Each structure stands twice: as C-alpha cells, then as structure tokens.
C-alpha atoms as a PDB file:
ATOM      1  CA  UNK A   1      27.722 -18.877   7.952  1.00  0.00           C
ATOM      2  CA  UNK A   2      24.545 -18.277   9.945  1.00  0.00           C
ATOM      3  CA  UNK A   3      21.352 -20.139   9.211  1.00  0.00           C
ATOM      4  CA  UNK A   4      18.312 -18.075   8.213  1.00  0.00           C
ATOM      5  CA  UNK A   5      16.522 -19.068  11.427  1.00  0.00           C
ATOM      6  CA  UNK A   6      19.464 -18.037  13.649  1.00  0.00           C
ATOM      7  CA  UNK A   7      18.698 -15.490  16.338  1.00  0.00           C
ATOM      8  CA  UNK A   8      20.926 -12.413  16.384  1.00  0.00           C
ATOM      9  CA  UNK A   9      21.521  -9.969  19.208  1.00  0.00           C
ATOM     10  CA  UNK A  10      20.867  -6.249  18.783  1.00  0.00           C
ATOM     11  CA  UNK A  11      24.655  -5.781  18.729  1.00  0.00           C
ATOM     12  CA  UNK A  12      24.990  -8.220  15.818  1.00  0.00           C
ATOM     13  CA  UNK A  13      22.235  -6.480  13.857  1.00  0.00           C
ATOM     14  CA  UNK A  14      23.511  -2.977  14.638  1.00  0.00           C
ATOM     15  CA  UNK A  15      26.958  -3.906  13.324  1.00  0.00           C
ATOM     16  CA  UNK A  16      25.477  -5.514  10.206  1.00  0.00           C
ATOM     17  CA  UNK A  17      23.283  -2.485   9.411  1.00  0.00           C
ATOM     18  CA  UNK A  18      25.867   0.121  10.418  1.00  0.00           C
ATOM     19  CA  UNK A  19      23.692   1.730  13.088  1.00  0.00           C
ATOM     20  CA  UNK A  20      23.909   1.915  16.862  1.00  0.00           C
ATOM     21  CA  UNK A  21      22.118  -0.357  19.307  1.00  0.00           C
ATOM     22  CA  UNK A  22      20.270   2.742  20.505  1.00  0.00           C
ATOM     23  CA  UNK A  23      19.008   3.360  16.973  1.00  0.00           C
ATOM     24  CA  UNK A  24      17.593  -0.167  16.835  1.00  0.00           C
ATOM     25  CA  UNK A  25      15.852   0.406  20.160  1.00  0.00           C
ATOM     26  CA  UNK A  26      14.388   3.653  18.837  1.00  0.00           C
ATOM     27  CA  UNK A  27      13.125   1.897  15.698  1.00  0.00           C
ATOM     28  CA  UNK A  28      11.432  -0.746  17.873  1.00  0.00           C
ATOM     29  CA  UNK A  29       9.770   1.813  20.156  1.00  0.00           C
ATOM     30  CA  UNK A  30       8.612   4.161  17.418  1.00  0.00           C
ATOM     31  CA  UNK A  31       7.903   1.434  14.835  1.00  0.00           C
ATOM     32  CA  UNK A  32       9.735   3.623  12.340  1.00  0.00           C
ATOM     33  CA  UNK A  33      10.946   0.684  10.253  1.00  0.00           C
ATOM     34  CA  UNK A  34       9.394  -2.740   9.773  1.00  0.00           C
ATOM     35  CA  UNK A  35      12.308  -4.704  11.212  1.00  0.00           C
ATOM     36  CA  UNK A  36      10.692  -7.690  12.893  1.00  0.00           C
ATOM     37  CA  UNK A  37      12.122  -8.775  16.239  1.00  0.00           C
ATOM     38  CA  UNK A  38      11.474 -11.489  18.787  1.00  0.00           C
ATOM     39  CA  UNK A  39      11.024 -10.891  22.519  1.00  0.00           C
ATOM     40  CA  UNK A  40      12.171 -13.671  24.826  1.00  0.00           C
ATOM     41  CA  UNK A  41      11.429 -12.378  28.298  1.00  0.00           C
ATOM     42  CA  UNK A  42      13.387  -9.123  28.445  1.00  0.00           C
ATOM     43  CA  UNK A  43      15.702 -10.123  25.621  1.00  0.00           C
ATOM     44  CA  UNK A  44      15.326  -8.814  22.087  1.00  0.00           C
ATOM     45  CA  UNK A  45      16.531 -10.992  19.236  1.00  0.00           C
ATOM     46  CA  UNK A  46      16.303 -10.779  15.465  1.00  0.00           C
ATOM     47  CA  UNK A  47      15.912 -13.665  13.015  1.00  0.00           C
ATOM     48  CA  UNK A  48      18.530 -13.632  10.259  1.00  0.00           C
ATOM     49  CA  UNK A  49      15.772 -14.109   7.654  1.00  0.00           C
ATOM     50  CA  UNK A  50      13.963 -11.003   8.961  1.00  0.00           C
ATOM     51  CA  UNK A  51      17.141  -8.909   8.868  1.00  0.00           C
ATOM     52  CA  UNK A  52      17.832 -10.038   5.301  1.00  0.00           C
ATOM     53  CA  UNK A  53      14.213  -9.262   4.292  1.00  0.00           C
ATOM     54  CA  UNK A  54      14.581  -5.797   5.851  1.00  0.00           C
ATOM     55  CA  UNK A  55      17.797  -5.188   3.911  1.00  0.00           C
ATOM     56  CA  UNK A  56      16.166  -6.320   0.672  1.00  0.00           C
ATOM     57  CA  UNK A  57      13.146  -4.056   1.267  1.00  0.00           C
ATOM     58  CA  UNK A  58      15.467  -1.051   1.640  1.00  0.00           C
ATOM     59  CA  UNK A  59      17.339  -1.573  -1.656  1.00  0.00           C
ATOM     60  CA  UNK A  60      16.617   0.647  -4.639  1.00  0.00           C
ATOM     61  CA  UNK A  61      17.516   0.384  -8.294  1.00  0.00           C
ATOM     62  CA  UNK A  62      19.190   3.296  -9.998  1.00  0.00           C
ATOM     63  CA  UNK A  63      17.396   4.247 -13.223  1.00  0.00           C
ATOM     64  CA  UNK A  64      19.403   4.270 -16.415  1.00  0.00           C
ATOM     65  CA  UNK A  65      22.102   1.813 -15.355  1.00  0.00           C
END
C-alpha cells in the first residue's frame, strides 16, 4: 500500500484514473481539472493524497438511493 505522501508517475496516475498519459498532460497544460502535480526539474509527479482528493472531488451522489 502506498503512503499518502508517495510520489506517483504520470503512468501510475493515468492507470489509476483510466485515462491516457497524454490526457494528463493536456489537463496540466489547459488547467482543465484541479489535479495538483509536482515538478522536479523536467519530471512531473503526483502526490497520492492529491490524486485521492481529486477522485473524491469528482464523486457524485445519486438522488433517491
């Protein structure tokens, strides 16, 4: 199990979210979604806690259930 402060690669995050690495890059460039990332030189990394917060922000309740 990963710690919440673990740094994930774009590949890891893309697989977790079910999108392509290119989609993540597009989101970063266009700021379409508030998925926080960390730049280390040229490298892009994502904190597990930020990915989980992003997933939680995208969840919706279904009325009447």
